PDB file of N, CA and C in Angstrom:
ATOM      1  N   MET A   1     -19.830  10.000  27.035  1.00  0.00           N
ATOM      2  CA  MET A   1     -18.319  10.083  26.040  1.00  0.00           C
ATOM      3  C   MET A   1     -17.976   9.521  25.562  1.00  0.00           C
ATOM      4  N   ASN A   2     -17.526   9.482  24.110  1.00  0.00           N
ATOM      5  CA  ASN A   2     -17.181   8.653  22.868  1.00  0.00           C
ATOM      6  C   ASN A   2     -15.311   8.282  23.375  1.00  0.00           C
ATOM      7  N   PRO A   3     -15.426   7.149  22.948  1.00  0.00           N
ATOM      8  CA  PRO A   3     -14.424   6.313  23.031  1.00  0.00           C
ATOM      9  C   PRO A   3     -12.547   7.278  21.700  1.00  0.00           C
ATOM     10  N   THR A   4     -12.476   7.625  21.870  1.00  0.00           N
ATOM     11  CA  THR A   4     -11.267   7.980  21.204  1.00  0.00           C
ATOM     12  C   THR A   4     -10.670   6.325  20.333  1.00  0.00           C
ATOM     13  N   THR A   5     -10.518   6.753  18.939  1.00  0.00           N
ATOM     14  CA  THR A   5     -10.300   5.491  17.979  1.00  0.00           C
ATOM     15  C   THR A   5      -8.986   5.985  17.746  1.00  0.00           C
ATOM     16  N   ALA A   6      -7.864   5.061  18.180  1.00  0.00           N
ATOM     17  CA  ALA A   6      -7.256   5.233  17.612  1.00  0.00           C
ATOM     18  C   ALA A   6      -6.765   5.230  16.081  1.00  0.00           C
ATOM     19  N   ASN A   7      -5.235   5.715  15.599  1.00  0.00           N
ATOM     20  CA  ASN A   7      -5.464   5.715  13.985  1.00  0.00           C
ATOM     21  C   ASN A   7      -4.018   5.414  13.998  1.00  0.00           C
ATOM     22  N   TYR A   8      -4.243   3.807  13.298  1.00  0.00           N
ATOM     23  CA  TYR A   8      -3.051   3.046  13.953  1.00  0.00           C
ATOM     24  C   TYR A   8      -2.715   2.596  12.036  1.00  0.00           C
ATOM     25  N   ASP A   9      -3.335   2.841  11.130  1.00  0.00           N
ATOM     26  CA  ASP A   9      -3.047   3.023   9.503  1.00  0.00           C
ATOM     27  C   ASP A   9      -2.202   3.952   8.545  1.00  0.00           C
ATOM     28  N   GLU A  10      -2.044   5.237   9.799  1.00  0.00           N
ATOM     29  CA  GLU A  10      -1.191   6.320   9.245  1.00  0.00           C
ATOM     30  C   GLU A  10      -0.249   5.630   9.218  1.00  0.00           C
ATOM     31  N   PRO A  11       0.238   5.400  10.470  1.00  0.00           N
ATOM     32  CA  PRO A  11       1.810   5.227  10.706  1.00  0.00           C
ATOM     33  C   PRO A  11       2.002   3.762   9.466  1.00  0.00           C
ATOM     34  N   TRP A  12       1.460   3.051   9.032  1.00  0.00           N
ATOM     35  CA  TRP A  12       1.975   1.867   8.466  1.00  0.00           C
ATOM     36  C   TRP A  12       1.686   2.475   7.242  1.00  0.00           C
ATOM     37  N   LYS A  13       1.110   3.615   6.529  1.00  0.00           N
ATOM     38  CA  LYS A  13       1.530   3.492   4.979  1.00  0.00           C
ATOM     39  C   LYS A  13       2.396   4.672   5.045  1.00  0.00           C
ATOM     40  N   GLU A  14       2.734   5.626   5.778  1.00  0.00           N
ATOM     41  CA  GLU A  14       4.133   6.268   5.930  1.00  0.00           C
ATOM     42  C   GLU A  14       5.113   5.422   5.694  1.00  0.00           C
ATOM     43  N   ALA A  15       4.916   4.209   6.388  1.00  0.00           N
ATOM     44  CA  ALA A  15       5.971   3.186   6.534  1.00  0.00           C
ATOM     45  C   ALA A  15       6.235   2.441   4.944  1.00  0.00           C
ATOM     46  N   LEU A  16       5.024   2.234   4.453  1.00  0.00           N
ATOM     47  CA  LEU A  16       5.142   1.838   2.793  1.00  0.00           C
ATOM     48  C   LEU A  16       5.880   2.968   1.773  1.00  0.00           C
ATOM     49  N   THR A  17       5.435   3.776   2.510  1.00  0.00           N
ATOM     50  CA  THR A  17       5.204   4.708   1.385  1.00  0.00           C
ATOM     51  C   THR A  17       7.594   5.547   1.801  1.00  0.00           C
ATOM     52  N   GLU A  18       7.817   4.852   2.447  1.00  0.00           N
ATOM     53  CA  GLU A  18       9.283   5.260   3.051  1.00  0.00           C
ATOM     54  C   GLU A  18      10.089   4.379   2.381  1.00  0.00           C
ATOM     55  N   TYR A  19       9.619   2.876   3.310  1.00  0.00           N
ATOM     56  CA  TYR A  19      10.333   1.445   2.521  1.00  0.00           C
ATOM     57  C   TYR A  19       9.564   0.336   1.613  1.00  0.00           C
ATOM     58  N   PHE A  20       8.985   1.226   0.478  1.00  0.00           N
ATOM     59  CA  PHE A  20       8.153   0.464  -0.220  1.00  0.00           C
ATOM     60  C   PHE A  20       8.832  -0.864  -1.053  1.00  0.00           C
ATOM     61  N   GLU A  21      10.318  -0.737  -1.339  1.00  0.00           N
ATOM     62  CA  GLU A  21      11.385  -1.606  -2.112  1.00  0.00           C
ATOM     63  C   GLU A  21      11.887  -2.640  -0.620  1.00  0.00           C
ATOM     64  N   ALA A  22      12.068  -1.885   0.207  1.00  0.00           N
ATOM     65  CA  ALA A  22      12.390  -2.814   1.034  1.00  0.00           C
ATOM     66  C   ALA A  22      11.388  -3.751   1.199  1.00  0.00           C
ATOM     67  N   PHE A  23      10.278  -3.293   1.426  1.00  0.00           N
ATOM     68  CA  PHE A  23       9.035  -4.082   2.006  1.00  0.00           C
ATOM     69  C   PHE A  23       8.707  -5.194   0.598  1.00  0.00           C
ATOM     70  N   LEU A  24       8.583  -4.795  -0.580  1.00  0.00           N
ATOM     71  CA  LEU A  24       8.733  -6.133  -1.585  1.00  0.00           C
ATOM     72  C   LEU A  24       9.995  -7.044  -1.256  1.00  0.00           C
ATOM     73  N   TYR A  25      11.170  -6.069  -1.261  1.00  0.00           N
ATOM     74  CA  TYR A  25      12.246  -6.975  -1.109  1.00  0.00           C
ATOM     75  C   TYR A  25      11.850  -8.345  -0.137  1.00  0.00           C
ATOM     76  N   PHE A  26      11.299  -7.897   1.025  1.00  0.00           N
ATOM     77  CA  PHE A  26      11.616  -8.682   2.060  1.00  0.00           C
ATOM     78  C   PHE A  26      10.025 -10.153   1.896  1.00  0.00           C
ATOM     79  N   PHE A  27       9.191  -9.131   1.501  1.00  0.00           N
ATOM     80  CA  PHE A  27       7.864 -10.089   1.814  1.00  0.00           C
ATOM     81  C   PHE A  27       7.535 -10.528   0.570  1.00  0.00           C
ATOM     82  N   PHE A  28       7.936 -10.127  -0.425  1.00  0.00           N
ATOM     83  CA  PHE A  28       7.705 -10.361  -2.059  1.00  0.00           C
ATOM     84  C   PHE A  28       9.118 -10.807  -3.361  1.00  0.00           C
ATOM     85  N   PRO A  29      10.302 -11.421  -2.697  1.00  0.00           N
ATOM     86  CA  PRO A  29      11.248 -11.469  -3.444  1.00  0.00           C
ATOM     87  C   PRO A  29      11.136 -11.093  -4.854  1.00  0.00           C
ATOM     88  N   GLU A  30      10.242 -12.336  -5.025  1.00  0.00           N
ATOM     89  CA  GLU A  30      10.187 -12.706  -6.893  1.00  0.00           C
ATOM     90  C   GLU A  30       9.446 -11.699  -7.434  1.00  0.00           C
ATOM     91  N   VAL A  31       8.887 -10.758  -6.510  1.00  0.00           N
ATOM     92  CA  VAL A  31       8.454  -9.409  -7.693  1.00  0.00           C
ATOM     93  C   VAL A  31       9.026  -8.425  -7.352  1.00  0.00           C
ATOM     94  N   HIS A  32       9.753  -8.855  -6.325  1.00  0.00           N
ATOM     95  CA  HIS A  32      11.049  -7.119  -6.230  1.00  0.00           C
ATOM     96  C   HIS A  32      11.788  -7.225  -7.595  1.00  0.00           C
ATOM     97  N   GLN A  33      12.217  -8.672  -7.710  1.00  0.00           N
ATOM     98  CA  GLN A  33      13.387  -8.788  -8.770  1.00  0.00           C
ATOM     99  C   GLN A  33      12.927  -8.301  -9.911  1.00  0.00           C
ATOM    100  N   LEU A  34      11.711  -8.627 -10.355  1.00  0.00           N
ATOM    101  CA  LEU A  34      10.459  -8.301 -11.764  1.00  0.00           C
ATOM    102  C   LEU A  34      10.670  -6.555 -11.652  1.00  0.00           C
ATOM    103  N   ILE A  35      10.872  -5.994 -11.032  1.00  0.00           N
ATOM    104  CA  ILE A  35      10.364  -4.693 -11.177  1.00  0.00           C
ATOM    105  C   ILE A  35      12.245  -3.441 -11.813  1.00  0.00           C
ATOM    106  N   ASP A  36      11.726  -2.757 -12.323  1.00  0.00           N
ATOM    107  CA  ASP A  36      12.498  -1.935 -12.878  1.00  0.00           C
ATOM    108  C   ASP A  36      12.985  -0.769 -11.802  1.00  0.00           C
ATOM    109  N   TRP A  37      14.168  -0.757 -10.837  1.00  0.00           N
ATOM    110  CA  TRP A  37      14.249   0.388  -9.820  1.00  0.00           C
ATOM    111  C   TRP A  37      14.804   0.998 -10.027  1.00  0.00           C
ATOM    112  N   THR A  38      15.144   1.451 -11.121  1.00  0.00           N
ATOM    113  CA  THR A  38      15.460   2.400 -12.050  1.00  0.00           C
ATOM    114  C   THR A  38      14.642   3.850 -11.757  1.00  0.00           C
ATOM    115  N   GLN A  39      13.544   3.210 -12.246  1.00  0.00           N
ATOM    116  CA  GLN A  39      12.120   3.824 -12.192  1.00  0.00           C
ATOM    117  C   GLN A  39      11.765   4.408 -10.718  1.00  0.00           C
ATOM    118  N   ILE A  40      11.863   5.638 -10.998  1.00  0.00           N
ATOM    119  CA  ILE A  40      10.633   5.824  -9.352  1.00  0.00           C
ATOM    120  C   ILE A  40       9.198   5.026  -9.180  1.00  0.00           C
ATOM    121  N   PRO A  41       8.609   4.555  -8.093  1.00  0.00           N
ATOM    122  CA  PRO A  41       7.403   3.798  -8.542  1.00  0.00           C
ATOM    123  C   PRO A  41       6.637   5.238  -7.773  1.00  0.00           C
ATOM    124  N   GLU A  42       5.481   5.044  -8.673  1.00  0.00           N
ATOM    125  CA  GLU A  42       4.738   6.224  -8.660  1.00  0.00           C
ATOM    126  C   GLU A  42       3.312   5.759  -7.699  1.00  0.00           C
ATOM    127  N   SER A  43       2.978   6.493  -6.403  1.00  0.00           N
ATOM    128  CA  SER A  43       2.280   6.841  -5.847  1.00  0.00           C
ATOM    129  C   SER A  43       0.656   7.042  -6.153  1.00  0.00           C
ATOM    130  N   LEU A  44      -0.021   5.993  -6.290  1.00  0.00           N
ATOM    131  CA  LEU A  44      -1.702   6.343  -6.614  1.00  0.00           C
ATOM    132  C   LEU A  44      -2.584   6.269  -5.910  1.00  0.00           C
ATOM    133  N   GLU A  45      -2.306   7.210  -4.929  1.00  0.00           N
ATOM    134  CA  GLU A  45      -3.408   7.545  -3.628  1.00  0.00           C
ATOM    135  C   GLU A  45      -4.619   8.302  -4.661  1.00  0.00           C
ATOM    136  N   LYS A  46      -4.742   9.044  -5.719  1.00  0.00           N
ATOM    137  CA  LYS A  46      -5.807   9.303  -5.481  1.00  0.00           C
ATOM    138  C   LYS A  46      -6.614   8.663  -6.625  1.00  0.00           C
ATOM    139  N   GLU A  47      -5.971   7.675  -7.506  1.00  0.00           N
ATOM    140  CA  GLU A  47      -6.412   6.350  -8.175  1.00  0.00           C
ATOM    141  C   GLU A  47      -6.957   5.579  -6.684  1.00  0.00           C
ATOM    142  N   LEU A  48      -6.802   5.397  -6.208  1.00  0.00           N
ATOM    143  CA  LEU A  48      -7.145   4.206  -4.990  1.00  0.00           C
ATOM    144  C   LEU A  48      -8.022   5.080  -4.323  1.00  0.00           C
ATOM    145  N   LYS A  49      -7.918   6.267  -3.909  1.00  0.00           N
ATOM    146  CA  LYS A  49      -9.604   6.572  -3.834  1.00  0.00           C
ATOM    147  C   LYS A  49     -10.657   6.889  -4.538  1.00  0.00           C
ATOM    148  N   ARG A  50     -10.686   6.703  -5.777  1.00  0.00           N
ATOM    149  CA  ARG A  50     -11.686   6.655  -6.608  1.00  0.00           C
ATOM    150  C   ARG A  50     -11.805   4.947  -6.396  1.00  0.00           C
ATOM    151  N   ILE A  51     -10.757   4.290  -6.325  1.00  0.00           N
ATOM    152  CA  ILE A  51     -11.273   2.846  -6.664  1.00  0.00           C
ATOM    153  C   ILE A  51     -12.250   2.189  -5.305  1.00  0.00           C
ATOM    154  N   THR A  52     -12.046   3.150  -4.203  1.00  0.00           N
ATOM    155  CA  THR A  52     -12.757   2.065  -2.935  1.00  0.00           C
ATOM    156  C   THR A  52     -13.670   3.225  -2.369  1.00  0.00           C
ATOM    157  N   ALA A  53     -13.652   4.545  -3.480  1.00  0.00           N
ATOM    158  CA  ALA A  53     -14.939   5.464  -2.691  1.00  0.00           C
ATOM    159  C   ALA A  53     -16.197   4.642  -2.421  1.00  0.00           C
ATOM    160  N   SER A  54     -16.672   3.552  -3.439  1.00  0.00           N
ATOM    161  CA  SER A  54     -18.081   2.996  -3.363  1.00  0.00           C
ATOM    162  C   SER A  54     -18.071   1.824  -2.570  1.00  0.00           C
ATOM    163  N   ALA A  55     -16.908   1.664  -1.584  1.00  0.00           N
ATOM    164  CA  ALA A  55     -17.092   0.391  -0.617  1.00  0.00           C
ATOM    165  C   ALA A  55     -18.053   0.525   0.320  1.00  0.00           C
ATOM    166  N   LYS A  56     -18.666  -0.495   0.914  1.00  0.00           N
ATOM    167  CA  LYS A  56     -19.395  -0.011   1.638  1.00  0.00           C
ATOM    168  C   LYS A  56     -19.345  -0.085   3.447  1.00  0.00           C
ATOM    169  N   THR A  57     -17.965  -0.296   3.585  1.00  0.00           N
ATOM    170  CA  THR A  57     -17.349  -0.218   5.074  1.00  0.00           C
ATOM    171  C   THR A  57     -16.544   0.990   4.871  1.00  0.00           C
ATOM    172  N   LYS A  58     -16.481   1.341   5.870  1.00  0.00           N
ATOM    173  CA  LYS A  58     -16.331   2.529   6.405  1.00  0.00           C
ATOM    174  C   LYS A  58     -14.695   2.751   7.254  1.00  0.00           C
ATOM    175  N   LYS A  59     -14.399   1.356   7.168  1.00  0.00           N
ATOM    176  CA  LYS A  59     -13.411   0.822   7.605  1.00  0.00           C
ATOM    177  C   LYS A  59     -11.527   1.584   7.335  1.00  0.00           C
ATOM    178  N   ARG A  60     -10.762   1.749   7.995  1.00  0.00           N
ATOM    179  CA  ARG A  60      -9.690   2.201   7.496  1.00  0.00           C
ATOM    180  C   ARG A  60      -8.862   1.385   7.131  1.00  0.00           C
ATOM    181  N   PHE A  61      -7.724   1.247   6.345  1.00  0.00           N
ATOM    182  CA  PHE A  61      -6.787   0.364   6.019  1.00  0.00           C
ATOM    183  C   PHE A  61      -5.796   0.783   5.606  1.00  0.00           C
ATOM    184  N   ALA A  62      -4.435   0.379   6.011  1.00  0.00           N
ATOM    185  CA  ALA A  62      -3.654   0.787   5.131  1.00  0.00           C
ATOM    186  C   ALA A  62      -3.195   0.627   4.104  1.00  0.00           C
ATOM    187  N   ASP A  63      -4.089   1.478   3.112  1.00  0.00           N
ATOM    188  CA  ASP A  63      -3.937   0.285   2.082  1.00  0.00           C
ATOM    189  C   ASP A  63      -3.374   1.423   0.983  1.00  0.00           C
ATOM    190  N   LYS A  64      -1.961   0.575  -0.671  1.00  0.00           N
ATOM    191  CA  LYS A  64      -1.389   2.008  -0.474  1.00  0.00           C
ATOM    192  C   LYS A  64      -1.371   1.052  -2.204  1.00  0.00           C
ATOM    193  N   LEU A  65      -1.667   2.164  -3.528  1.00  0.00           N
ATOM    194  CA  LEU A  65      -1.421   1.288  -4.996  1.00  0.00           C
ATOM    195  C   LEU A  65      -0.459   2.395  -5.700  1.00  0.00           C
ATOM    196  N   TYR A  66       0.446   1.253  -6.219  1.00  0.00           N
ATOM    197  CA  TYR A  66       1.670   2.262  -6.269  1.00  0.00           C
ATOM    198  C   TYR A  66       2.061   1.621  -8.585  1.00  0.00           C
ATOM    199  N   LYS A  67       2.657   2.408  -9.087  1.00  0.00           N
ATOM    200  CA  LYS A  67       2.162   2.142 -10.415  1.00  0.00           C
ATOM    201  C   LYS A  67       4.038   1.610 -10.634  1.00  0.00           C
ATOM    202  N   VAL A  68       4.531   0.949 -10.915  1.00  0.00           N
ATOM    203  CA  VAL A  68       6.431   0.420 -10.678  1.00  0.00           C
ATOM    204  C   VAL A  68       6.304  -0.425 -12.985  1.00  0.00           C
ATOM    205  N   TRP A  69       7.107  -0.342 -13.125  1.00  0.00           N
ATOM    206  CA  TRP A  69       7.831  -0.730 -13.851  1.00  0.00           C
ATOM    207  C   TRP A  69       8.569  -1.750 -14.173  1.00  0.00           C
ATOM    208  N   LEU A  70       8.368  -2.589 -15.039  1.00  0.00           N
ATOM    209  CA  LEU A  70       8.941  -4.424 -14.470  1.00  0.00           C
ATOM    210  C   LEU A  70      10.300  -3.959 -15.758  1.00  0.00           C
ATOM    211  N   LEU A  71      11.340  -4.606 -15.442  1.00  0.00           N
ATOM    212  CA  LEU A  71      12.357  -5.039 -16.438  1.00  0.00           C
ATOM    213  C   LEU A  71      12.039  -5.145 -18.045  1.00  0.00           C
ATOM    214  N   SER A  72      11.018  -5.805 -18.165  1.00  0.00           N
ATOM    215  CA  SER A  72      10.383  -5.651 -19.389  1.00  0.00           C
ATOM    216  C   SER A  72      10.267  -4.257 -20.168  1.00  0.00           C
ATOM    217  N   GLY A  73       9.886  -3.507 -19.513  1.00  0.00           N
ATOM    218  CA  GLY A  73       8.850  -2.472 -19.803  1.00  0.00           C
ATOM    219  C   GLY A  73       7.746  -2.239 -19.678  1.00  0.00           C
ATOM    220  N   GLU A  74       7.194  -3.479 -19.276  1.00  0.00           N
ATOM    221  CA  GLU A  74       5.428  -3.410 -19.027  1.00  0.00           C
ATOM    222  C   GLU A  74       5.133  -2.607 -17.551  1.00  0.00           C
ATOM    223  N   GLU A  75       3.948  -1.475 -17.787  1.00  0.00           N
ATOM    224  CA  GLU A  75       3.680  -0.992 -16.476  1.00  0.00           C
ATOM    225  C   GLU A  75       2.966  -2.039 -15.984  1.00  0.00           C
ATOM    226  N   ILE A  76       2.945  -2.391 -14.026  1.00  0.00           N
ATOM    227  CA  ILE A  76       2.210  -2.992 -13.686  1.00  0.00           C
ATOM    228  C   ILE A  76       1.369  -2.213 -12.314  1.00  0.00           C
ATOM    229  N   TRP A  77       0.240  -2.191 -11.892  1.00  0.00           N
ATOM    230  CA  TRP A  77      -0.110  -1.657 -10.459  1.00  0.00           C
ATOM    231  C   TRP A  77       0.015  -2.537  -9.816  1.00  0.00           C
ATOM    232  N   ILE A  78       0.457  -2.582  -8.359  1.00  0.00           N
ATOM    233  CA  ILE A  78       0.617  -3.052  -7.236  1.00  0.00           C
ATOM    234  C   ILE A  78      -0.197  -2.228  -6.511  1.00  0.00           C
ATOM    235  N   LEU A  79      -0.912  -2.869  -5.657  1.00  0.00           N
ATOM    236  CA  LEU A  79      -2.335  -2.440  -4.188  1.00  0.00           C
ATOM    237  C   LEU A  79      -1.414  -3.354  -3.302  1.00  0.00           C
ATOM    238  N   ILE A  80      -0.787  -2.601  -2.301  1.00  0.00           N
ATOM    239  CA  ILE A  80      -0.697  -2.772  -0.914  1.00  0.00           C
ATOM    240  C   ILE A  80      -1.649  -3.019  -0.064  1.00  0.00           C
ATOM    241  N   HIS A  81      -2.153  -3.927   0.722  1.00  0.00           N
ATOM    242  CA  HIS A  81      -3.150  -3.791   1.454  1.00  0.00           C
ATOM    243  C   HIS A  81      -2.541  -4.362   3.150  1.00  0.00           C
ATOM    244  N   ILE A  82      -2.791  -3.561   4.005  1.00  0.00           N
ATOM    245  CA  ILE A  82      -2.361  -3.896   5.020  1.00  0.00           C
ATOM    246  C   ILE A  82      -3.224  -4.043   6.227  1.00  0.00           C
ATOM    247  N   GLU A  83      -4.326  -5.146   7.123  1.00  0.00           N
ATOM    248  CA  GLU A  83      -5.314  -4.531   8.234  1.00  0.00           C
ATOM    249  C   GLU A  83      -4.401  -4.332   9.325  1.00  0.00           C
ATOM    250  N   ILE A  84      -4.799  -3.448   9.898  1.00  0.00           N
ATOM    251  CA  ILE A  84      -4.127  -2.832  11.174  1.00  0.00           C
ATOM    252  C   ILE A  84      -5.412  -3.905  12.538  1.00  0.00           C
ATOM    253  N   GLN A  85      -4.815  -4.640  13.423  1.00  0.00           N
ATOM    254  CA  GLN A  85      -5.624  -4.848  14.459  1.00  0.00           C
ATOM    255  C   GLN A  85      -5.337  -4.618  15.261  1.00  0.00           C
ATOM    256  N   SER A  86      -6.129  -3.762  16.183  1.00  0.00           N
ATOM    257  CA  SER A  86      -5.595  -3.217  17.749  1.00  0.00           C
ATOM    258  C   SER A  86      -6.084  -4.444  18.823  1.00  0.00           C
ATOM    259  N   GLN A  87      -6.972  -4.825  18.827  1.00  0.00           N
ATOM    260  CA  GLN A  87      -7.856  -5.828  20.043  1.00  0.00           C
ATOM    261  C   GLN A  87      -7.684  -7.201  19.533  1.00  0.00           C
ATOM    262  N   TYR A  88      -7.529  -7.944  20.629  1.00  0.00           N
ATOM    263  CA  TYR A  88      -7.583  -9.213  20.455  1.00  0.00           C
ATOM    264  C   TYR A  88      -9.221  -9.796  19.778  1.00  0.00           C
ATOM    265  N   GLU A  89      -9.387 -10.451  18.569  1.00  0.00           N
ATOM    266  CA  GLU A  89     -10.071 -11.579  18.030  1.00  0.00           C
ATOM    267  C   GLU A  89     -10.455 -12.750  18.431  1.00  0.00           C
TER     268      GLU A  89
END
């Protein structure tokens, strides 16, 4: 019998989707203040899958890639990487 592996990543990805602005405000306030929040951040799931498709590891991570616009008008991409650990190391 194979042990079931819990998927801890998906809830974190959902939380990042729902609270992206608050996440940046809390963890990266300097970055948060540079972003034009009148423009809705765009999730770049397809682009992230293309970028990571050649990765040698099959581990799942709570990664999110967003396109945002700065107050200066410049477009930038922000990669959020969270690795969830469910066991003691």
